[in-house]
N, C-alpha and C. Protein backbone atom coordinates (compact mmCIF):
# COMPACT_ATOMS: atom_id res chain seq x y z
N MET A 1 7.77 6.89 31.80
CA MET A 1 6.37 6.36 31.39
C MET A 1 6.55 6.03 29.65
N GLU A 2 5.50 5.51 29.49
CA GLU A 2 4.98 5.08 27.85
C GLU A 2 4.99 5.63 27.18
N THR A 3 4.87 5.46 26.05
CA THR A 3 3.86 6.20 24.78
C THR A 3 3.17 5.20 24.22
N LEU A 4 1.94 5.51 24.18
CA LEU A 4 0.92 4.79 23.37
C LEU A 4 0.66 5.59 21.81
N ILE A 5 0.50 4.30 20.98
CA ILE A 5 -0.03 5.40 19.44
C ILE A 5 -1.21 4.69 19.50
N VAL A 6 -2.25 5.62 19.08
CA VAL A 6 -3.47 5.26 19.05
C VAL A 6 -4.26 5.32 17.46
N HIS A 7 -4.73 4.27 17.06
CA HIS A 7 -5.36 4.49 15.68
C HIS A 7 -6.82 4.11 15.10
N PRO A 8 -7.42 5.49 15.70
CA PRO A 8 -8.98 5.20 15.57
C PRO A 8 -9.18 5.08 14.41
N ASP A 9 -10.54 4.45 14.13
CA ASP A 9 -11.24 4.15 12.74
C ASP A 9 -12.00 5.25 12.01
N SER A 10 -12.63 6.23 12.96
CA SER A 10 -13.19 7.03 12.54
C SER A 10 -13.06 8.47 13.21
N LYS A 11 -13.88 9.62 12.96
CA LYS A 11 -14.03 10.51 13.78
C LYS A 11 -14.38 10.92 15.15
N GLU A 12 -15.25 9.92 15.12
CA GLU A 12 -15.98 9.40 15.96
C GLU A 12 -14.88 8.99 17.20
N GLN A 13 -14.71 8.07 16.94
CA GLN A 13 -13.63 7.27 17.66
C GLN A 13 -12.21 8.49 18.29
N LEU A 14 -11.62 9.08 17.41
CA LEU A 14 -10.70 10.05 17.77
C LEU A 14 -11.33 11.09 18.97
N ASP A 15 -12.62 11.52 18.42
CA ASP A 15 -12.95 12.84 19.35
C ASP A 15 -13.28 11.91 20.81
N ALA A 16 -13.63 10.98 20.90
CA ALA A 16 -14.16 9.88 22.16
C ALA A 16 -12.69 9.67 22.59
N MET A 17 -11.70 9.67 22.06
CA MET A 17 -10.26 9.57 22.68
C MET A 17 -9.78 10.33 23.16
N LYS A 18 -9.73 12.19 22.02
CA LYS A 18 -9.29 12.98 22.95
C LYS A 18 -10.12 13.45 24.29
N ALA A 19 -11.29 13.37 24.30
CA ALA A 19 -12.34 13.52 25.17
C ALA A 19 -12.06 12.77 26.63
N PHE A 20 -11.99 11.42 26.34
CA PHE A 20 -11.16 10.51 27.55
C PHE A 20 -9.84 11.03 27.87
N MET A 21 -8.76 11.32 27.36
CA MET A 21 -7.67 11.91 27.38
C MET A 21 -7.68 13.37 28.24
N LYS A 22 -8.79 13.95 27.66
CA LYS A 22 -8.78 15.35 28.52
C LYS A 22 -9.37 15.29 29.80
N ALA A 23 -10.42 14.27 29.75
CA ALA A 23 -11.05 14.11 31.15
C ALA A 23 -10.11 13.55 32.04
N PHE A 24 -9.31 12.94 31.94
CA PHE A 24 -8.27 12.24 32.86
C PHE A 24 -6.97 12.92 32.84
N LYS A 25 -7.02 14.12 32.18
CA LYS A 25 -5.80 15.02 32.07
C LYS A 25 -4.17 14.33 31.89
N ILE A 26 -4.86 13.64 30.38
CA ILE A 26 -3.73 13.15 29.84
C ILE A 26 -3.15 13.96 28.61
N SER A 27 -1.70 14.09 29.10
CA SER A 27 -1.15 14.85 27.67
C SER A 27 -1.35 14.20 26.41
N PHE A 28 -1.26 14.90 25.38
CA PHE A 28 -1.23 14.10 23.95
C PHE A 28 -1.09 15.27 22.84
N GLU A 29 -0.67 14.59 21.59
CA GLU A 29 -0.18 15.60 20.46
C GLU A 29 -1.04 15.15 19.44
N ASP A 30 -1.53 15.79 18.80
CA ASP A 30 -2.10 15.93 17.32
C ASP A 30 -1.19 15.94 16.34
N GLU A 31 -0.76 14.56 15.58
CA GLU A 31 -0.10 14.90 14.46
C GLU A 31 -0.66 14.82 13.32
N LYS A 32 -0.60 15.44 12.42
CA LYS A 32 -1.82 15.73 11.05
C LYS A 32 -0.53 14.42 10.38
N SER A 33 -1.51 14.05 9.26
CA SER A 33 -0.85 13.12 8.17
C SER A 33 -0.09 14.32 7.24
N GLN A 34 1.19 14.00 6.73
CA GLN A 34 1.89 14.54 5.56
C GLN A 34 1.65 14.36 4.44
N TYR A 35 0.33 13.28 4.29
CA TYR A 35 0.11 13.14 2.84
C TYR A 35 -1.07 13.53 2.39
N ASN A 36 -1.23 14.09 0.97
CA ASN A 36 -2.39 14.27 0.83
C ASN A 36 -3.55 13.30 0.99
N PRO A 37 -4.94 13.53 1.33
CA PRO A 37 -5.67 12.26 1.22
C PRO A 37 -6.01 11.98 0.42
N GLU A 38 -6.37 12.61 -0.84
CA GLU A 38 -6.09 12.11 -2.07
C GLU A 38 -5.13 10.89 -2.18
N PHE A 39 -3.88 11.24 -2.71
CA PHE A 39 -3.25 10.31 -2.61
C PHE A 39 -3.02 9.02 -1.95
N VAL A 40 -3.65 9.40 -0.69
CA VAL A 40 -3.36 7.86 0.15
C VAL A 40 -4.58 7.26 -0.15
N GLU A 41 -5.84 7.40 -0.66
CA GLU A 41 -6.93 7.14 -1.16
C GLU A 41 -6.51 6.16 -2.40
N MET A 42 -5.79 6.94 -3.41
CA MET A 42 -5.15 6.67 -4.64
C MET A 42 -4.82 5.02 -4.42
N ILE A 43 -3.68 5.20 -3.47
CA ILE A 43 -2.66 4.30 -3.09
C ILE A 43 -3.47 3.14 -2.56
N ARG A 44 -4.64 3.31 -1.66
CA ARG A 44 -4.96 2.13 -0.98
C ARG A 44 -6.31 1.39 -1.79
N GLN A 45 -6.22 2.18 -2.80
CA GLN A 45 -7.56 1.60 -4.15
C GLN A 45 -6.61 0.79 -4.92
N GLY A 46 -5.49 1.21 -5.21
CA GLY A 46 -4.22 0.50 -5.96
C GLY A 46 -4.32 -0.79 -5.41
N ASP A 47 -4.07 -1.14 -4.02
CA ASP A 47 -3.78 -1.97 -3.20
C ASP A 47 -5.29 -2.98 -3.31
N GLU A 48 -6.55 -2.65 -3.13
CA GLU A 48 -7.49 -3.73 -3.42
C GLU A 48 -7.79 -3.60 -4.80
N ASP A 49 -7.51 -3.14 -5.35
CA ASP A 49 -7.36 -3.60 -6.93
C ASP A 49 -6.23 -4.55 -7.26
N LEU A 50 -5.22 -4.88 -6.36
CA LEU A 50 -4.48 -5.85 -7.00
C LEU A 50 -4.68 -7.02 -6.37
N LYS A 51 -5.15 -6.94 -5.16
CA LYS A 51 -5.53 -7.91 -4.27
C LYS A 51 -7.06 -8.79 -5.06
N ALA A 52 -7.54 -8.08 -5.59
CA ALA A 52 -9.07 -8.70 -6.45
C ALA A 52 -8.40 -8.81 -8.13
N GLY A 53 -6.99 -8.96 -8.38
CA GLY A 53 -6.95 -9.69 -9.56
C GLY A 53 -6.47 -8.28 -10.52
N LYS A 54 -7.08 -7.26 -10.08
CA LYS A 54 -7.06 -6.29 -11.43
C LYS A 54 -5.65 -5.57 -11.26
N GLY A 55 -5.16 -4.95 -12.97
CA GLY A 55 -4.18 -4.57 -13.07
C GLY A 55 -3.17 -5.36 -14.30
N VAL A 56 -2.26 -4.85 -14.68
CA VAL A 56 -1.34 -5.77 -15.23
C VAL A 56 -0.19 -6.45 -14.77
N LYS A 57 -0.05 -7.37 -15.17
CA LYS A 57 1.45 -8.60 -14.83
C LYS A 57 2.49 -8.25 -15.72
N VAL A 58 3.88 -7.88 -15.49
CA VAL A 58 4.59 -7.78 -16.44
C VAL A 58 5.66 -8.80 -16.04
N ASP A 59 6.03 -9.56 -17.47
CA ASP A 59 6.97 -10.86 -17.19
C ASP A 59 8.63 -9.92 -17.11
N ILE A 60 8.94 -9.71 -15.73
CA ILE A 60 10.27 -9.38 -15.89
C ILE A 60 11.25 -10.05 -16.60
N ASP A 61 11.22 -11.30 -16.43
CA ASP A 61 12.53 -11.72 -17.01
C ASP A 61 12.53 -11.42 -18.87
N ASN A 62 11.37 -10.84 -19.31
CA ASN A 62 11.82 -10.38 -21.12
C ASN A 62 11.47 -8.51 -20.78
N LEU A 63 11.50 -8.09 -19.82
CA LEU A 63 11.27 -6.76 -19.61
C LEU A 63 12.47 -5.59 -20.57
N TRP A 64 13.53 -6.26 -20.50
CA TRP A 64 14.42 -5.50 -21.60
C TRP A 64 14.75 -6.29 -22.46
N LYS A 65 13.91 -7.37 -23.13
CA LYS A 65 14.33 -7.80 -24.48
C LYS A 65 13.60 -7.37 -25.42
């Protein structure tokens, strides 16, 4: 058989997928993230800041001079 990896966008979607799989007697595993949610949010915010042009640019050619 195949393995499907699902990425729900909200708790409601997650609950609906679990209910669906239970109703159809499909086995599944819950796997919690290994990362602290605050850390993940900090990284996502940093990515958004970079896309928005915020941050410090370093000239790598002159980094060690």
